[in-house]
Amino acid sequence: MRKIVFYILMLSPVILVAQEITLKGTVIDRDSKTPLPGVSILIKKTSKGVFSDFDGNFETAANNNID
């Protein structure tokens, strides 16, 4: 019984970490297909957001349960 409880407690942090995902991508202009620096990317229903870098790239973490 102690071993079962021990393994459940050891796996709990893995389960909690698995609920967050990484969102990353590149923002480009629709017509010219060039990267757009300084664009704000906001996650709906949260206060999280980032700006694209000089090459139009962005990366942020979000909860997996976002609609």
PDB file of N, CA and C in Angstrom:
ATOM      1  N   MET A   1       0.820  -1.195   0.000  1.00  0.00           N
ATOM      2  CA  MET A   1       0.000   0.000   0.000  1.00  0.00           C
ATOM      3  C   MET A   1       0.864   1.259   0.000  1.00  0.00           C
ATOM      4  N   ARG A   2       1.945   1.245   0.750  1.00  0.00           N
ATOM      5  CA  ARG A   2       2.826   2.412   0.802  1.00  0.00           C
ATOM      6  C   ARG A   2       3.461   2.685  -0.557  1.00  0.00           C
ATOM      7  N   LYS A   3       3.780   1.607  -1.278  1.00  0.00           N
ATOM      8  CA  LYS A   3       4.392   1.774  -2.590  1.00  0.00           C
ATOM      9  C   LYS A   3       3.414   2.442  -3.560  1.00  0.00           C
ATOM     10  N   ILE A   4       2.165   2.073  -3.495  1.00  0.00           N
ATOM     11  CA  ILE A   4       1.163   2.665  -4.386  1.00  0.00           C
ATOM     12  C   ILE A   4       1.031   4.160  -4.112  1.00  0.00           C
ATOM     13  N   VAL A   5       0.949   4.519  -2.852  1.00  0.00           N
ATOM     14  CA  VAL A   5       0.851   5.938  -2.494  1.00  0.00           C
ATOM     15  C   VAL A   5       2.109   6.683  -2.929  1.00  0.00           C
ATOM     16  N   PHE A   6       3.248   6.063  -2.750  1.00  0.00           N
ATOM     17  CA  PHE A   6       4.506   6.689  -3.153  1.00  0.00           C
ATOM     18  C   PHE A   6       4.523   6.966  -4.661  1.00  0.00           C
ATOM     19  N   TYR A   7       4.132   5.990  -5.457  1.00  0.00           N
ATOM     20  CA  TYR A   7       4.136   6.177  -6.913  1.00  0.00           C
ATOM     21  C   TYR A   7       3.112   7.221  -7.361  1.00  0.00           C
ATOM     22  N   ILE A   8       1.970   7.258  -6.716  1.00  0.00           N
ATOM     23  CA  ILE A   8       0.964   8.272  -7.050  1.00  0.00           C
ATOM     24  C   ILE A   8       1.504   9.664  -6.747  1.00  0.00           C
ATOM     25  N   LEU A   9       2.148   9.821  -5.604  1.00  0.00           N
ATOM     26  CA  LEU A   9       2.717  11.121  -5.257  1.00  0.00           C
ATOM     27  C   LEU A   9       3.859  11.511  -6.181  1.00  0.00           C
ATOM     28  N   MET A  10       4.635  10.552  -6.642  1.00  0.00           N
ATOM     29  CA  MET A  10       5.739  10.842  -7.548  1.00  0.00           C
ATOM     30  C   MET A  10       5.248  11.259  -8.926  1.00  0.00           C
ATOM     31  N   LEU A  11       4.104  10.732  -9.365  1.00  0.00           N
ATOM     32  CA  LEU A  11       3.567  11.060 -10.686  1.00  0.00           C
ATOM     33  C   LEU A  11       2.727  12.333 -10.695  1.00  0.00           C
ATOM     34  N   SER A  12       2.317  12.823  -9.550  1.00  0.00           N
ATOM     35  CA  SER A  12       1.472  14.016  -9.478  1.00  0.00           C
ATOM     36  C   SER A  12       2.100  15.236 -10.147  1.00  0.00           C
ATOM     37  N   PRO A  13       3.374  15.562  -9.926  1.00  0.00           N
ATOM     38  CA  PRO A  13       3.955  16.721 -10.618  1.00  0.00           C
ATOM     39  C   PRO A  13       3.954  16.565 -12.136  1.00  0.00           C
ATOM     40  N   VAL A  14       4.121  15.360 -12.640  1.00  0.00           N
ATOM     41  CA  VAL A  14       4.104  15.132 -14.080  1.00  0.00           C
ATOM     42  C   VAL A  14       2.727  15.439 -14.646  1.00  0.00           C
ATOM     43  N   ILE A  15       1.695  15.060 -13.941  1.00  0.00           N
ATOM     44  CA  ILE A  15       0.333  15.326 -14.383  1.00  0.00           C
ATOM     45  C   ILE A  15       0.068  16.829 -14.381  1.00  0.00           C
ATOM     46  N   LEU A  16       0.533  17.541 -13.371  1.00  0.00           N
ATOM     47  CA  LEU A  16       0.310  18.981 -13.303  1.00  0.00           C
ATOM     48  C   LEU A  16       1.062  19.723 -14.406  1.00  0.00           C
ATOM     49  N   VAL A  17       2.270  19.302 -14.714  1.00  0.00           N
ATOM     50  CA  VAL A  17       3.053  19.945 -15.752  1.00  0.00           C
ATOM     51  C   VAL A  17       2.432  19.686 -17.129  1.00  0.00           C
ATOM     52  N   ALA A  18       1.834  18.545 -17.314  1.00  0.00           N
ATOM     53  CA  ALA A  18       1.276  18.184 -18.608  1.00  0.00           C
ATOM     54  C   ALA A  18       0.066  19.033 -18.982  1.00  0.00           C
ATOM     55  N   GLN A  19      -0.470  19.816 -18.066  1.00  0.00           N
ATOM     56  CA  GLN A  19      -1.633  20.633 -18.356  1.00  0.00           C
ATOM     57  C   GLN A  19      -1.258  21.947 -19.022  1.00  0.00           C
ATOM     58  N   GLU A  20       0.009  22.247 -19.172  1.00  0.00           N
ATOM     59  CA  GLU A  20       0.438  23.478 -19.813  1.00  0.00           C
ATOM     60  C   GLU A  20       1.096  23.144 -21.147  1.00  0.00           C
ATOM     61  N   ILE A  21       0.752  23.916 -22.173  1.00  0.00           N
ATOM     62  CA  ILE A  21       1.314  23.692 -23.497  1.00  0.00           C
ATOM     63  C   ILE A  21       2.100  24.928 -23.926  1.00  0.00           C
ATOM     64  N   THR A  22       2.988  24.748 -24.872  1.00  0.00           N
ATOM     65  CA  THR A  22       3.763  25.851 -25.423  1.00  0.00           C
ATOM     66  C   THR A  22       3.202  26.208 -26.797  1.00  0.00           C
ATOM     67  N   LEU A  23       2.881  27.467 -26.960  1.00  0.00           N
ATOM     68  CA  LEU A  23       2.416  27.966 -28.251  1.00  0.00           C
ATOM     69  C   LEU A  23       3.543  28.752 -28.885  1.00  0.00           C
ATOM     70  N   LYS A  24       3.874  28.427 -30.119  1.00  0.00           N
ATOM     71  CA  LYS A  24       4.907  29.181 -30.808  1.00  0.00           C
ATOM     72  C   LYS A  24       4.583  29.225 -32.296  1.00  0.00           C
ATOM     73  N   GLY A  25       5.063  30.287 -32.926  1.00  0.00           N
ATOM     74  CA  GLY A  25       4.791  30.446 -34.341  1.00  0.00           C
ATOM     75  C   GLY A  25       5.457  31.688 -34.883  1.00  0.00           C
ATOM     76  N   THR A  26       5.097  32.021 -36.112  1.00  0.00           N
ATOM     77  CA  THR A  26       5.642  33.185 -36.795  1.00  0.00           C
ATOM     78  C   THR A  26       4.480  33.988 -37.368  1.00  0.00           C
ATOM     79  N   VAL A  27       4.512  35.290 -37.159  1.00  0.00           N
ATOM     80  CA  VAL A  27       3.495  36.188 -37.707  1.00  0.00           C
ATOM     81  C   VAL A  27       4.036  36.741 -39.021  1.00  0.00           C
ATOM     82  N   ILE A  28       3.273  36.530 -40.107  1.00  0.00           N
ATOM     83  CA  ILE A  28       3.705  37.028 -41.411  1.00  0.00           C
ATOM     84  C   ILE A  28       2.602  37.854 -42.058  1.00  0.00           C
ATOM     85  N   ASP A  29       2.999  38.752 -42.940  1.00  0.00           N
ATOM     86  CA  ASP A  29       2.056  39.554 -43.696  1.00  0.00           C
ATOM     87  C   ASP A  29       1.372  38.668 -44.740  1.00  0.00           C
ATOM     88  N   ARG A  30       0.073  38.807 -44.863  1.00  0.00           N
ATOM     89  CA  ARG A  30      -0.685  37.962 -45.778  1.00  0.00           C
ATOM     90  C   ARG A  30      -0.255  38.151 -47.239  1.00  0.00           C
ATOM     91  N   ASP A  31      -0.033  39.385 -47.633  1.00  0.00           N
ATOM     92  CA  ASP A  31       0.266  39.667 -49.038  1.00  0.00           C
ATOM     93  C   ASP A  31       1.734  39.457 -49.392  1.00  0.00           C
ATOM     94  N   SER A  32       2.622  40.064 -48.621  1.00  0.00           N
ATOM     95  CA  SER A  32       4.047  40.014 -48.971  1.00  0.00           C
ATOM     96  C   SER A  32       4.782  38.813 -48.376  1.00  0.00           C
ATOM     97  N   LYS A  33       4.142  38.085 -47.459  1.00  0.00           N
ATOM     98  CA  LYS A  33       4.742  36.901 -46.804  1.00  0.00           C
ATOM     99  C   LYS A  33       6.015  37.230 -46.027  1.00  0.00           C
ATOM    100  N   THR A  34       6.169  38.485 -45.591  1.00  0.00           N
ATOM    101  CA  THR A  34       7.329  38.873 -44.795  1.00  0.00           C
ATOM    102  C   THR A  34       6.979  38.821 -43.315  1.00  0.00           C
ATOM    103  N   PRO A  35       7.951  38.524 -42.446  1.00  0.00           N
ATOM    104  CA  PRO A  35       7.684  38.475 -41.003  1.00  0.00           C
ATOM    105  C   PRO A  35       7.335  39.848 -40.454  1.00  0.00           C
ATOM    106  N   LEU A  36       6.454  39.863 -39.455  1.00  0.00           N
ATOM    107  CA  LEU A  36       6.016  41.108 -38.836  1.00  0.00           C
ATOM    108  C   LEU A  36       6.547  41.199 -37.406  1.00  0.00           C
ATOM    109  N   PRO A  37       7.506  42.087 -37.151  1.00  0.00           N
ATOM    110  CA  PRO A  37       8.038  42.252 -35.790  1.00  0.00           C
ATOM    111  C   PRO A  37       7.123  43.133 -34.948  1.00  0.00           C
ATOM    112  N   GLY A  38       7.110  42.892 -33.642  1.00  0.00           N
ATOM    113  CA  GLY A  38       6.385  43.753 -32.708  1.00  0.00           C
ATOM    114  C   GLY A  38       4.891  43.579 -32.676  1.00  0.00           C
ATOM    115  N   VAL A  39       4.370  42.482 -33.197  1.00  0.00           N
ATOM    116  CA  VAL A  39       2.927  42.229 -33.175  1.00  0.00           C
ATOM    117  C   VAL A  39       2.566  41.627 -31.818  1.00  0.00           C
ATOM    118  N   SER A  40       1.473  42.108 -31.208  1.00  0.00           N
ATOM    119  CA  SER A  40       1.055  41.541 -29.925  1.00  0.00           C
ATOM    120  C   SER A  40       0.170  40.321 -30.164  1.00  0.00           C
ATOM    121  N   ILE A  41       0.475  39.259 -29.439  1.00  0.00           N
ATOM    122  CA  ILE A  41      -0.276  38.015 -29.505  1.00  0.00           C
ATOM    123  C   ILE A  41      -0.899  37.821 -28.131  1.00  0.00           C
ATOM    124  N   LEU A  42      -2.226  37.771 -28.070  1.00  0.00           N
ATOM    125  CA  LEU A  42      -2.943  37.620 -26.810  1.00  0.00           C
ATOM    126  C   LEU A  42      -3.692  36.298 -26.796  1.00  0.00           C
ATOM    127  N   ILE A  43      -3.735  35.654 -25.629  1.00  0.00           N
ATOM    128  CA  ILE A  43      -4.472  34.415 -25.462  1.00  0.00           C
ATOM    129  C   ILE A  43      -5.852  34.773 -24.944  1.00  0.00           C
ATOM    130  N   LYS A  44      -6.884  34.359 -25.675  1.00  0.00           N
ATOM    131  CA  LYS A  44      -8.261  34.672 -25.312  1.00  0.00           C
ATOM    132  C   LYS A  44      -8.584  34.214 -23.892  1.00  0.00           C
ATOM    133  N   LYS A  45      -9.414  34.989 -23.219  1.00  0.00           N
ATOM    134  CA  LYS A  45      -9.913  34.684 -21.869  1.00  0.00           C
ATOM    135  C   LYS A  45      -8.807  34.614 -20.821  1.00  0.00           C
ATOM    136  N   THR A  46      -7.641  35.198 -21.098  1.00  0.00           N
ATOM    137  CA  THR A  46      -6.554  35.271 -20.122  1.00  0.00           C
ATOM    138  C   THR A  46      -5.940  36.658 -20.193  1.00  0.00           C
ATOM    139  N   SER A  47      -5.009  36.910 -19.302  1.00  0.00           N
ATOM    140  CA  SER A  47      -4.269  38.169 -19.360  1.00  0.00           C
ATOM    141  C   SER A  47      -2.859  37.941 -19.900  1.00  0.00           C
ATOM    142  N   LYS A  48      -2.635  36.770 -20.516  1.00  0.00           N
ATOM    143  CA  LYS A  48      -1.313  36.435 -21.039  1.00  0.00           C
ATOM    144  C   LYS A  48      -1.168  36.901 -22.474  1.00  0.00           C
ATOM    145  N   GLY A  49       0.031  37.366 -22.766  1.00  0.00           N
ATOM    146  CA  GLY A  49       0.330  37.782 -24.118  1.00  0.00           C
ATOM    147  C   GLY A  49       1.807  38.007 -24.303  1.00  0.00           C
ATOM    148  N   VAL A  50       2.244  38.043 -25.548  1.00  0.00           N
ATOM    149  CA  VAL A  50       3.644  38.279 -25.902  1.00  0.00           C
ATOM    150  C   VAL A  50       3.689  39.128 -27.166  1.00  0.00           C
ATOM    151  N   PHE A  51       4.884  39.583 -27.502  1.00  0.00           N
ATOM    152  CA  PHE A  51       5.123  40.305 -28.746  1.00  0.00           C
ATOM    153  C   PHE A  51       6.016  39.452 -29.641  1.00  0.00           C
ATOM    154  N   SER A  52       5.803  39.546 -30.939  1.00  0.00           N
ATOM    155  CA  SER A  52       6.686  38.841 -31.864  1.00  0.00           C
ATOM    156  C   SER A  52       8.046  39.544 -31.896  1.00  0.00           C
ATOM    157  N   ASP A  53       9.095  38.768 -32.109  1.00  0.00           N
ATOM    158  CA  ASP A  53      10.444  39.336 -32.142  1.00  0.00           C
ATOM    159  C   ASP A  53      10.733  39.949 -33.519  1.00  0.00           C
ATOM    160  N   PHE A  54      11.987  40.310 -33.755  1.00  0.00           N
ATOM    161  CA  PHE A  54      12.396  40.975 -34.992  1.00  0.00           C
ATOM    162  C   PHE A  54      12.075  40.139 -36.236  1.00  0.00           C
ATOM    163  N   ASP A  55      12.114  38.816 -36.090  1.00  0.00           N
ATOM    164  CA  ASP A  55      11.838  37.913 -37.211  1.00  0.00           C
ATOM    165  C   ASP A  55      10.386  37.451 -37.253  1.00  0.00           C
ATOM    166  N   GLY A  56       9.523  38.040 -36.410  1.00  0.00           N
ATOM    167  CA  GLY A  56       8.110  37.669 -36.391  1.00  0.00           C
ATOM    168  C   GLY A  56       7.788  36.449 -35.562  1.00  0.00           C
ATOM    169  N   ASN A  57       8.776  35.884 -34.863  1.00  0.00           N
ATOM    170  CA  ASN A  57       8.568  34.678 -34.055  1.00  0.00           C
ATOM    171  C   ASN A  57       8.038  35.036 -32.677  1.00  0.00           C
ATOM    172  N   PHE A  58       7.251  34.114 -32.118  1.00  0.00           N
ATOM    173  CA  PHE A  58       6.765  34.274 -30.750  1.00  0.00           C
ATOM    174  C   PHE A  58       6.678  32.912 -30.087  1.00  0.00           C
ATOM    175  N   GLU A  59       6.687  32.923 -28.757  1.00  0.00           N
ATOM    176  CA  GLU A  59       6.550  31.699 -27.969  1.00  0.00           C
ATOM    177  C   GLU A  59       5.991  32.062 -26.603  1.00  0.00           C
ATOM    178  N   THR A  60       5.000  31.300 -26.145  1.00  0.00           N
ATOM    179  CA  THR A  60       4.399  31.524 -24.832  1.00  0.00           C
ATOM    180  C   THR A  60       3.812  30.219 -24.321  1.00  0.00           C
ATOM    181  N   ALA A  61       3.550  30.156 -23.041  1.00  0.00           N
ATOM    182  CA  ALA A  61       2.933  28.988 -22.422  1.00  0.00           C
ATOM    183  C   ALA A  61       1.472  29.304 -22.110  1.00  0.00           C
ATOM    184  N   ALA A  62       0.632  28.268 -22.202  1.00  0.00           N
ATOM    185  CA  ALA A  62      -0.795  28.442 -21.927  1.00  0.00           C
ATOM    186  C   ALA A  62      -1.345  27.161 -21.321  1.00  0.00           C
ATOM    187  N   ASN A  63      -2.441  27.297 -20.601  1.00  0.00           N
ATOM    188  CA  ASN A  63      -3.117  26.122 -20.068  1.00  0.00           C
ATOM    189  C   ASN A  63      -3.743  25.350 -21.200  1.00  0.00           C
ATOM    190  N   ASN A  64      -3.780  24.048 -21.061  1.00  0.00           N
ATOM    191  CA  ASN A  64      -4.311  23.173 -22.084  1.00  0.00           C
ATOM    192  C   ASN A  64      -5.831  23.246 -22.183  1.00  0.00           C
ATOM    193  N   ASN A  65      -6.510  23.819 -21.197  1.00  0.00           N
ATOM    194  CA  ASN A  65      -7.974  23.818 -21.176  1.00  0.00           C
ATOM    195  C   ASN A  65      -8.575  25.119 -21.704  1.00  0.00           C
ATOM    196  N   ILE A  66      -7.865  25.838 -22.543  1.00  0.00           N
ATOM    197  CA  ILE A  66      -8.397  27.062 -23.138  1.00  0.00           C
ATOM    198  C   ILE A  66      -9.346  26.691 -24.262  1.00  0.00           C
ATOM    199  N   ASP A  67     -10.499  27.341 -24.308  1.00  0.00           N
ATOM    200  CA  ASP A  67     -11.480  27.085 -25.374  1.00  0.00           C
ATOM    201  C   ASP A  67     -11.134  27.805 -26.647  1.00  0.00           C
TER     202      ASP A  67
END
